[in-house]
Amino acid sequence: MAIDSVIEFDCAPKRALSAAGIVQRIKERAQAESVIASHRASGDQRPIAELHFEFSRSTPGNPGAPQLIAVNDILDYASDLDSHAHHCQTCPASRGAGAYGCVGFVRYPISALAENWLLERLPVPDEPLVWLLLKQGIQRLGYDGASVRALRQTDENRTYFELPVAARRRLGELRMSGDQALEMILGVGERIIPNHGGILLLFFGAIDRDLEAEQIQEISSHAPDIRQRTPFTLDLPANADSCIRELAALFHALYVAWKLNVPLFIDA
């Protein structure tokens, strides 16, 4: 289970397979390869055509019924990816990550380390313009963390969050929780539009925050010049775990989508 993201840059593979179809094929191929590796590690050398595994598609509150899946069927279905992968070589949305680099995943559960890392990236009063923007955004858009908190409270098996209670940080007079930080990223609907994406990049320090008021306004505008001259500045901490690395990749995808002036699709 994961948070899926897709940079919605129009391309031949998306037109042929659909963004959802690409995501599904990537995830199912990874699952099939994991099953094969597990069988081989245990000494099972049967042909792939004879391998099966149980799979259930669960959602919050619905564990899903298990189904028996043939590994070969999954690999055949995913092979469509190979037919279109050559288009990714020159695609500006690939993020330099090879074929289908426009697609990303943040695997659950969100680790305690990653939740605290998100909070640590938010601005403090020493960065007054961006801090005030954050404060106003929370008040105007109602980011109280309720949607994430509701999921966390029902997450008895710690499927989605390592922490049973959200991490917290004080930003001057602002008190922020991990629920609020995650809601700002995941609670804006299926698509993060470029204008909002630019502001999120500012809030979480993925682009430079040492800006004048006019420059901050340009970040959330359609001005192409600010997008092209603004570098991605998010660095990983020395103690980064896999969840932090995947969240950092999500921010990079958001940055690329912002530069291309296209939405970032999010399925959490």
C-alpha atoms as a PDB file:
ATOM      1  CA  MET A   1       0.000   0.000   0.000  1.00  0.00           C
ATOM      2  CA  ALA A   2       1.318   3.399  -0.950  1.00  0.00           C
ATOM      3  CA  ILE A   3       0.668   7.006  -1.853  1.00  0.00           C
ATOM      4  CA  ASP A   4       0.809   7.012  -5.659  1.00  0.00           C
ATOM      5  CA  SER A   5       1.802  10.105  -7.626  1.00  0.00           C
ATOM      6  CA  VAL A   6       1.899  10.878 -11.345  1.00  0.00           C
ATOM      7  CA  ILE A   7       3.163  14.018 -13.072  1.00  0.00           C
ATOM      8  CA  GLU A   8       0.292  14.660 -15.487  1.00  0.00           C
ATOM      9  CA  PHE A   9       2.432  15.611 -18.458  1.00  0.00           C
ATOM     10  CA  ASP A  10       0.762  14.468 -21.658  1.00  0.00           C
ATOM     11  CA  CYS A  11       2.688  11.699 -23.421  1.00  0.00           C
ATOM     12  CA  ALA A  12       2.244   8.707 -25.702  1.00  0.00           C
ATOM     13  CA  PRO A  13       2.408   6.082 -22.902  1.00  0.00           C
ATOM     14  CA  LYS A  14      -0.346   7.844 -20.922  1.00  0.00           C
ATOM     15  CA  ARG A  15      -2.499   8.142 -24.018  1.00  0.00           C
ATOM     16  CA  ALA A  16      -2.039   4.438 -24.758  1.00  0.00           C
ATOM     17  CA  LEU A  17      -2.241   2.953 -21.243  1.00  0.00           C
ATOM     18  CA  SER A  18      -3.716   5.797 -19.122  1.00  0.00           C
ATOM     19  CA  ALA A  19      -1.947   7.153 -16.046  1.00  0.00           C
ATOM     20  CA  ALA A  20      -3.887   4.762 -13.807  1.00  0.00           C
ATOM     21  CA  GLY A  21      -2.984   1.856 -16.074  1.00  0.00           C
ATOM     22  CA  ILE A  22       0.718   2.708 -15.914  1.00  0.00           C
ATOM     23  CA  VAL A  23       0.633   2.918 -12.112  1.00  0.00           C
ATOM     24  CA  GLN A  24      -1.209  -0.378 -11.837  1.00  0.00           C
ATOM     25  CA  ARG A  25       1.200  -2.159 -14.170  1.00  0.00           C
ATOM     26  CA  ILE A  26       4.269  -0.849 -12.319  1.00  0.00           C
ATOM     27  CA  LYS A  27       2.886  -1.924  -8.939  1.00  0.00           C
ATOM     28  CA  GLU A  28       1.760  -5.339 -10.137  1.00  0.00           C
ATOM     29  CA  ARG A  29       5.068  -6.035 -11.886  1.00  0.00           C
ATOM     30  CA  ALA A  30       6.920  -5.186  -8.668  1.00  0.00           C
ATOM     31  CA  GLN A  31       4.622  -7.516  -6.741  1.00  0.00           C
ATOM     32  CA  ALA A  32       5.185 -10.346  -9.226  1.00  0.00           C
ATOM     33  CA  GLU A  33       8.969  -9.881  -9.142  1.00  0.00           C
ATOM     34  CA  SER A  34       8.889  -9.939  -5.336  1.00  0.00           C
ATOM     35  CA  VAL A  35       6.923 -13.195  -5.385  1.00  0.00           C
ATOM     36  CA  ILE A  36       9.382 -14.767  -7.821  1.00  0.00           C
ATOM     37  CA  ALA A  37      12.345 -13.675  -5.693  1.00  0.00           C
ATOM     38  CA  SER A  38      10.703 -15.089  -2.566  1.00  0.00           C
ATOM     39  CA  HIS A  39      10.084 -18.451  -4.234  1.00  0.00           C
ATOM     40  CA  ARG A  40      13.644 -18.613  -5.567  1.00  0.00           C
ATOM     41  CA  ALA A  41      15.093 -17.712  -2.161  1.00  0.00           C
ATOM     42  CA  SER A  42      13.199 -20.596  -0.596  1.00  0.00           C
ATOM     43  CA  GLY A  43      14.543 -23.033  -3.190  1.00  0.00           C
ATOM     44  CA  ASP A  44      11.380 -23.199  -5.329  1.00  0.00           C
ATOM     45  CA  GLN A  45      12.600 -23.452  -8.918  1.00  0.00           C
ATOM     46  CA  ARG A  46       9.256 -24.130 -10.574  1.00  0.00           C
ATOM     47  CA  PRO A  47       8.627 -22.350 -13.875  1.00  0.00           C
ATOM     48  CA  ILE A  48       7.082 -18.897 -13.495  1.00  0.00           C
ATOM     49  CA  ALA A  49       3.968 -20.188 -15.254  1.00  0.00           C
ATOM     50  CA  GLU A  50       3.279 -22.385 -12.207  1.00  0.00           C
ATOM     51  CA  LEU A  51       3.652 -19.655  -9.577  1.00  0.00           C
ATOM     52  CA  HIS A  52       0.663 -18.015  -7.887  1.00  0.00           C
ATOM     53  CA  PHE A  53       0.129 -15.704  -4.935  1.00  0.00           C
ATOM     54  CA  GLU A  54      -2.729 -14.390  -2.838  1.00  0.00           C
ATOM     55  CA  PHE A  55      -3.546 -10.707  -3.153  1.00  0.00           C
ATOM     56  CA  SER A  56      -6.175  -8.482  -1.552  1.00  0.00           C
ATOM     57  CA  ARG A  57      -6.806  -4.868  -2.558  1.00  0.00           C
ATOM     58  CA  SER A  58      -7.506  -3.156   0.752  1.00  0.00           C
ATOM     59  CA  THR A  59      -8.657   0.366   1.540  1.00  0.00           C
ATOM     60  CA  PRO A  60      -9.171   2.112   4.891  1.00  0.00           C
ATOM     61  CA  GLY A  61     -11.938   0.205   6.670  1.00  0.00           C
ATOM     62  CA  ASN A  62     -12.096  -2.525   4.013  1.00  0.00           C
ATOM     63  CA  PRO A  63      -9.406  -5.253   4.109  1.00  0.00           C
ATOM     64  CA  GLY A  64     -10.567  -6.729   0.794  1.00  0.00           C
ATOM     65  CA  ALA A  65     -11.107 -10.378  -0.100  1.00  0.00           C
ATOM     66  CA  PRO A  66      -7.973 -12.383  -1.045  1.00  0.00           C
ATOM     67  CA  GLN A  67      -7.671 -13.551  -4.658  1.00  0.00           C
ATOM     68  CA  LEU A  68      -5.354 -16.138  -6.204  1.00  0.00           C
ATOM     69  CA  ILE A  69      -3.242 -14.468  -8.887  1.00  0.00           C
ATOM     70  CA  ALA A  70      -1.064 -16.133 -11.514  1.00  0.00           C
ATOM     71  CA  VAL A  71       2.367 -14.491 -11.674  1.00  0.00           C
ATOM     72  CA  ASN A  72       2.569 -15.026 -15.433  1.00  0.00           C
ATOM     73  CA  ASP A  73      -0.708 -13.162 -15.992  1.00  0.00           C
ATOM     74  CA  ILE A  74       0.655 -10.161 -14.096  1.00  0.00           C
ATOM     75  CA  LEU A  75       3.908 -10.146 -16.056  1.00  0.00           C
ATOM     76  CA  ASP A  76       2.031 -10.390 -19.359  1.00  0.00           C
ATOM     77  CA  TYR A  77      -0.197  -7.470 -18.335  1.00  0.00           C
ATOM     78  CA  ALA A  78       2.799  -5.366 -17.247  1.00  0.00           C
ATOM     79  CA  SER A  79       4.744  -6.091 -20.443  1.00  0.00           C
ATOM     80  CA  ASP A  80       2.827  -3.257 -22.129  1.00  0.00           C
ATOM     81  CA  LEU A  81       5.137  -0.915 -20.205  1.00  0.00           C
ATOM     82  CA  ASP A  82       8.131  -2.129 -22.192  1.00  0.00           C
ATOM     83  CA  SER A  83       6.467  -1.327 -25.522  1.00  0.00           C
ATOM     84  CA  HIS A  84       6.179   2.361 -24.634  1.00  0.00           C
ATOM     85  CA  ALA A  85       9.216   2.909 -22.404  1.00  0.00           C
ATOM     86  CA  HIS A  86      11.342   4.424 -25.189  1.00  0.00           C
ATOM     87  CA  HIS A  87       9.190   7.564 -25.072  1.00  0.00           C
ATOM     88  CA  CYS A  88      10.489   8.256 -21.552  1.00  0.00           C
ATOM     89  CA  GLN A  89      14.097   8.760 -22.684  1.00  0.00           C
ATOM     90  CA  THR A  90      13.556  12.405 -23.655  1.00  0.00           C
ATOM     91  CA  CYS A  91      10.489  13.165 -21.526  1.00  0.00           C
ATOM     92  CA  PRO A  92      10.905  16.238 -19.262  1.00  0.00           C
ATOM     93  CA  ALA A  93       8.636  14.621 -16.670  1.00  0.00           C
ATOM     94  CA  SER A  94      10.833  11.548 -16.172  1.00  0.00           C
ATOM     95  CA  ARG A  95      12.803  13.313 -13.382  1.00  0.00           C
ATOM     96  CA  GLY A  96      15.977  11.624 -14.628  1.00  0.00           C
ATOM     97  CA  ALA A  97      14.672   8.423 -13.103  1.00  0.00           C
ATOM     98  CA  GLY A  98      14.472   6.325 -16.256  1.00  0.00           C
ATOM     99  CA  ALA A  99      11.343   4.787 -17.738  1.00  0.00           C
ATOM    100  CA  TYR A 100       8.140   6.046 -16.128  1.00  0.00           C
ATOM    101  CA  GLY A 101      10.023   8.409 -13.853  1.00  0.00           C
ATOM    102  CA  CYS A 102       6.864  10.538 -13.745  1.00  0.00           C
ATOM    103  CA  VAL A 103       5.364   7.890 -11.427  1.00  0.00           C
ATOM    104  CA  GLY A 104       6.264   7.660  -7.751  1.00  0.00           C
ATOM    105  CA  PHE A 105       5.250   5.860  -4.585  1.00  0.00           C
ATOM    106  CA  VAL A 106       5.484   6.606  -0.867  1.00  0.00           C
ATOM    107  CA  ARG A 107       4.949   3.319   0.904  1.00  0.00           C
ATOM    108  CA  TYR A 108       2.949   3.093   4.091  1.00  0.00           C
ATOM    109  CA  PRO A 109       3.344   3.332   6.981  1.00  0.00           C
ATOM    110  CA  ILE A 110       4.563   6.921   7.284  1.00  0.00           C
ATOM    111  CA  SER A 111       7.485   6.590   9.661  1.00  0.00           C
ATOM    112  CA  ALA A 112       7.891   8.624  12.840  1.00  0.00           C
ATOM    113  CA  LEU A 113      11.199   9.906  11.482  1.00  0.00           C
ATOM    114  CA  ALA A 114       9.564  11.107   8.262  1.00  0.00           C
ATOM    115  CA  GLU A 115       6.664  12.768  10.058  1.00  0.00           C
ATOM    116  CA  ASN A 116       9.055  14.756  12.247  1.00  0.00           C
ATOM    117  CA  TRP A 117      11.190  15.567   9.184  1.00  0.00           C
ATOM    118  CA  LEU A 118       8.164  17.124   7.457  1.00  0.00           C
ATOM    119  CA  LEU A 119       7.471  19.323  10.480  1.00  0.00           C
ATOM    120  CA  GLU A 120      11.119  20.364  10.735  1.00  0.00           C
ATOM    121  CA  ARG A 121      11.013  21.619   7.141  1.00  0.00           C
ATOM    122  CA  LEU A 122       8.242  24.153   7.807  1.00  0.00           C
ATOM    123  CA  PRO A 123       9.125  27.859   8.183  1.00  0.00           C
ATOM    124  CA  VAL A 124       9.622  29.597  11.528  1.00  0.00           C
ATOM    125  CA  PRO A 125       8.996  33.287  12.378  1.00  0.00           C
ATOM    126  CA  ASP A 126      12.616  34.067  11.400  1.00  0.00           C
ATOM    127  CA  GLU A 127      11.363  33.591   7.820  1.00  0.00           C
ATOM    128  CA  PRO A 128       8.481  36.048   8.235  1.00  0.00           C
ATOM    129  CA  LEU A 129       7.002  36.210   4.737  1.00  0.00           C
ATOM    130  CA  VAL A 130       6.705  32.467   4.188  1.00  0.00           C
ATOM    131  CA  TRP A 131       5.743  31.881   7.841  1.00  0.00           C
ATOM    132  CA  LEU A 132       2.901  34.412   7.562  1.00  0.00           C
ATOM    133  CA  LEU A 133       1.818  32.791   4.300  1.00  0.00           C
ATOM    134  CA  LEU A 134       1.714  29.415   6.063  1.00  0.00           C
ATOM    135  CA  LYS A 135      -0.275  30.863   8.965  1.00  0.00           C
ATOM    136  CA  GLN A 136      -2.779  32.509   6.616  1.00  0.00           C
ATOM    137  CA  GLY A 137      -3.091  29.368   4.505  1.00  0.00           C
ATOM    138  CA  ILE A 138      -3.857  27.212   7.538  1.00  0.00           C
ATOM    139  CA  GLN A 139      -6.510  29.658   8.706  1.00  0.00           C
ATOM    140  CA  ARG A 140      -8.074  30.291   5.296  1.00  0.00           C
ATOM    141  CA  LEU A 141      -8.068  26.709   4.016  1.00  0.00           C
ATOM    142  CA  GLY A 142      -8.842  25.099   7.362  1.00  0.00           C
ATOM    143  CA  TYR A 143      -5.858  22.759   7.595  1.00  0.00           C
ATOM    144  CA  ASP A 144      -6.660  21.349  11.025  1.00  0.00           C
ATOM    145  CA  GLY A 145      -5.492  17.813  10.200  1.00  0.00           C
ATOM    146  CA  ALA A 146      -8.943  16.314  10.810  1.00  0.00           C
ATOM    147  CA  SER A 147      -8.990  14.125   7.692  1.00  0.00           C
ATOM    148  CA  VAL A 148      -5.612  12.548   8.475  1.00  0.00           C
ATOM    149  CA  ARG A 149      -6.343  12.327  12.191  1.00  0.00           C
ATOM    150  CA  ALA A 150      -9.534  10.361  11.486  1.00  0.00           C
ATOM    151  CA  LEU A 151      -7.550   7.780   9.500  1.00  0.00           C
ATOM    152  CA  ARG A 152      -4.867   7.605  12.180  1.00  0.00           C
ATOM    153  CA  GLN A 153      -7.432   6.995  14.928  1.00  0.00           C
ATOM    154  CA  THR A 154      -8.794   3.933  13.108  1.00  0.00           C
ATOM    155  CA  ASP A 155      -5.321   2.648  12.177  1.00  0.00           C
ATOM    156  CA  GLU A 156      -5.116   0.036  14.943  1.00  0.00           C
ATOM    157  CA  ASN A 157      -2.590  -2.111  13.085  1.00  0.00           C
ATOM    158  CA  ARG A 158      -0.306   0.853  12.296  1.00  0.00           C
ATOM    159  CA  THR A 159      -0.814   0.203   8.584  1.00  0.00           C
ATOM    160  CA  TYR A 160      -0.689   3.870   7.601  1.00  0.00           C
ATOM    161  CA  PHE A 161       1.218   5.600  10.407  1.00  0.00           C
ATOM    162  CA  GLU A 162       3.984   4.425  12.692  1.00  0.00           C
ATOM    163  CA  LEU A 163       2.907   6.959  15.310  1.00  0.00           C
ATOM    164  CA  PRO A 164      -0.498   6.421  16.992  1.00  0.00           C
ATOM    165  CA  VAL A 165      -0.576  10.151  17.816  1.00  0.00           C
ATOM    166  CA  ALA A 166       0.719  12.794  15.419  1.00  0.00           C
ATOM    167  CA  ALA A 167       4.110  14.398  15.960  1.00  0.00           C
ATOM    168  CA  ARG A 168       3.975  18.086  16.893  1.00  0.00           C
ATOM    169  CA  ARG A 169       6.156  21.145  16.487  1.00  0.00           C
ATOM    170  CA  ARG A 170       5.822  24.735  17.619  1.00  0.00           C
ATOM    171  CA  LEU A 171       6.529  27.392  14.951  1.00  0.00           C
ATOM    172  CA  GLY A 172       6.381  30.561  16.991  1.00  0.00           C
ATOM    173  CA  GLU A 173       2.725  31.068  17.854  1.00  0.00           C
ATOM    174  CA  LEU A 174       1.753  28.296  15.434  1.00  0.00           C
ATOM    175  CA  ARG A 175       1.398  24.753  16.720  1.00  0.00           C
ATOM    176  CA  MET A 176       1.648  22.282  13.874  1.00  0.00           C
ATOM    177  CA  SER A 177       0.970  18.549  13.872  1.00  0.00           C
ATOM    178  CA  GLY A 178       1.994  15.805  11.505  1.00  0.00           C
ATOM    179  CA  ASP A 179      -1.693  15.428  10.676  1.00  0.00           C
ATOM    180  CA  GLN A 180      -1.780  19.028   9.428  1.00  0.00           C
ATOM    181  CA  ALA A 181       1.463  18.703   7.471  1.00  0.00           C
ATOM    182  CA  LEU A 182       0.240  15.563   5.695  1.00  0.00           C
ATOM    183  CA  GLU A 183      -3.189  17.084   5.093  1.00  0.00           C
ATOM    184  CA  MET A 184      -1.568  20.037   3.325  1.00  0.00           C
ATOM    185  CA  ILE A 185       0.032  17.601   0.870  1.00  0.00           C
ATOM    186  CA  LEU A 186      -2.597  14.872   0.572  1.00  0.00           C
ATOM    187  CA  GLY A 187      -5.837  16.619   1.467  1.00  0.00           C
ATOM    188  CA  VAL A 188      -6.269  18.946  -1.507  1.00  0.00           C
ATOM    189  CA  GLY A 189      -8.046  16.472  -3.776  1.00  0.00           C
ATOM    190  CA  GLU A 190      -6.726  14.141  -6.442  1.00  0.00           C
ATOM    191  CA  ARG A 191      -4.564  16.777  -8.106  1.00  0.00           C
ATOM    192  CA  ILE A 192      -2.158  19.363  -6.787  1.00  0.00           C
ATOM    193  CA  ILE A 193      -2.380  22.193  -9.299  1.00  0.00           C
ATOM    194  CA  PRO A 194       0.851  24.064 -10.126  1.00  0.00           C
ATOM    195  CA  ASN A 195      -0.018  27.240  -8.210  1.00  0.00           C
ATOM    196  CA  HIS A 196      -0.649  25.306  -5.008  1.00  0.00           C
ATOM    197  CA  GLY A 197       2.319  23.063  -5.714  1.00  0.00           C
ATOM    198  CA  GLY A 198       4.659  26.064  -5.774  1.00  0.00           C
ATOM    199  CA  ILE A 199       3.426  27.177  -2.363  1.00  0.00           C
ATOM    200  CA  LEU A 200       3.907  23.679  -0.908  1.00  0.00           C
ATOM    201  CA  LEU A 201       7.469  23.670  -2.244  1.00  0.00           C
ATOM    202  CA  LEU A 202       8.029  26.939  -0.375  1.00  0.00           C
ATOM    203  CA  PHE A 203       6.434  25.705   2.846  1.00  0.00           C
ATOM    204  CA  PHE A 204       8.515  22.522   2.967  1.00  0.00           C
ATOM    205  CA  GLY A 205      11.763  24.144   1.869  1.00  0.00           C
ATOM    206  CA  ALA A 206      12.069  22.305  -1.436  1.00  0.00           C
ATOM    207  CA  ILE A 207      12.885  25.632  -3.119  1.00  0.00           C
ATOM    208  CA  ASP A 208      14.642  28.692  -1.716  1.00  0.00           C
ATOM    209  CA  ARG A 209      12.559  30.641   0.832  1.00  0.00           C
ATOM    210  CA  ASP A 210      14.835  33.689   0.972  1.00  0.00           C
ATOM    211  CA  LEU A 211      12.580  35.684  -1.331  1.00  0.00           C
ATOM    212  CA  GLU A 212      10.942  39.090  -1.530  1.00  0.00           C
ATOM    213  CA  ALA A 213       7.151  39.432  -1.481  1.00  0.00           C
ATOM    214  CA  GLU A 214       6.942  39.891  -5.271  1.00  0.00           C
ATOM    215  CA  GLN A 215       8.990  36.765  -5.856  1.00  0.00           C
ATOM    216  CA  ILE A 216       6.742  34.760  -3.544  1.00  0.00           C
ATOM    217  CA  GLN A 217       3.738  35.937  -5.543  1.00  0.00           C
ATOM    218  CA  GLU A 218       5.463  34.783  -8.709  1.00  0.00           C
ATOM    219  CA  ILE A 219       5.949  31.301  -7.228  1.00  0.00           C
ATOM    220  CA  SER A 220       2.175  30.827  -7.171  1.00  0.00           C
ATOM    221  CA  SER A 221       1.619  32.466 -10.555  1.00  0.00           C
ATOM    222  CA  HIS A 222       1.941  31.194 -14.103  1.00  0.00           C
ATOM    223  CA  ALA A 223       5.184  33.147 -14.651  1.00  0.00           C
ATOM    224  CA  PRO A 224       7.439  30.729 -16.581  1.00  0.00           C
ATOM    225  CA  ASP A 225      10.686  32.596 -15.845  1.00  0.00           C
ATOM    226  CA  ILE A 226      10.518  32.094 -12.052  1.00  0.00           C
ATOM    227  CA  ARG A 227       9.893  28.390 -12.598  1.00  0.00           C
ATOM    228  CA  GLN A 228      12.916  27.977 -14.823  1.00  0.00           C
ATOM    229  CA  ARG A 229      15.359  29.887 -12.640  1.00  0.00           C
ATOM    230  CA  THR A 230      14.308  28.342  -9.309  1.00  0.00           C
ATOM    231  CA  PRO A 231      16.365  25.242  -8.394  1.00  0.00           C
ATOM    232  CA  PHE A 232      15.255  22.310  -6.287  1.00  0.00           C
ATOM    233  CA  THR A 233      17.033  22.672  -2.952  1.00  0.00           C
ATOM    234  CA  LEU A 234      15.750  19.832  -0.782  1.00  0.00           C
ATOM    235  CA  ASP A 235      18.584  17.819   0.747  1.00  0.00           C
ATOM    236  CA  LEU A 236      18.213  14.523   2.565  1.00  0.00           C
ATOM    237  CA  PRO A 237      19.272  14.333   6.214  1.00  0.00           C
ATOM    238  CA  ALA A 238      22.080  11.964   7.164  1.00  0.00           C
ATOM    239  CA  ASN A 239      19.622   9.716   9.014  1.00  0.00           C
ATOM    240  CA  ALA A 240      17.055   9.542   6.193  1.00  0.00           C
ATOM    241  CA  ASP A 241      14.993   6.364   6.152  1.00  0.00           C
ATOM    242  CA  SER A 242      13.184   4.951   3.111  1.00  0.00           C
ATOM    243  CA  CYS A 243      10.033   6.943   3.915  1.00  0.00           C
ATOM    244  CA  ILE A 244      11.941  10.248   3.953  1.00  0.00           C
ATOM    245  CA  ARG A 245      13.638   9.345   0.670  1.00  0.00           C
ATOM    246  CA  GLU A 246      10.286   8.554  -0.928  1.00  0.00           C
ATOM    247  CA  LEU A 247       8.724  11.774   0.400  1.00  0.00           C
ATOM    248  CA  ALA A 248      11.708  13.704  -0.968  1.00  0.00           C
ATOM    249  CA  ALA A 249      11.067  12.073  -4.360  1.00  0.00           C
ATOM    250  CA  LEU A 250       7.420  13.141  -4.064  1.00  0.00           C
ATOM    251  CA  PHE A 251       8.526  16.739  -3.527  1.00  0.00           C
ATOM    252  CA  HIS A 252      10.827  16.472  -6.535  1.00  0.00           C
ATOM    253  CA  ALA A 253       7.900  15.211  -8.616  1.00  0.00           C
ATOM    254  CA  LEU A 254       5.867  18.179  -7.354  1.00  0.00           C
ATOM    255  CA  TYR A 255       8.733  20.476  -8.347  1.00  0.00           C
ATOM    256  CA  VAL A 256       8.940  19.023 -11.861  1.00  0.00           C
ATOM    257  CA  ALA A 257       5.153  19.290 -12.261  1.00  0.00           C
ATOM    258  CA  TRP A 258       5.316  22.920 -11.097  1.00  0.00           C
ATOM    259  CA  LYS A 259       8.084  23.717 -13.599  1.00  0.00           C
ATOM    260  CA  LEU A 260       6.090  22.075 -16.397  1.00  0.00           C
ATOM    261  CA  ASN A 261       2.905  23.863 -15.247  1.00  0.00           C
ATOM    262  CA  VAL A 262       0.955  20.601 -14.986  1.00  0.00           C
ATOM    263  CA  PRO A 263      -0.859  18.991 -12.034  1.00  0.00           C
ATOM    264  CA  LEU A 264       0.564  16.254  -9.852  1.00  0.00           C
ATOM    265  CA  PHE A 265      -1.978  13.454  -9.427  1.00  0.00           C
ATOM    266  CA  ILE A 266      -2.066  12.014  -5.909  1.00  0.00           C
ATOM    267  CA  ASP A 267      -3.829   8.839  -4.803  1.00  0.00           C
ATOM    268  CA  ALA A 268      -3.391   8.348  -1.063  1.00  0.00           C
END
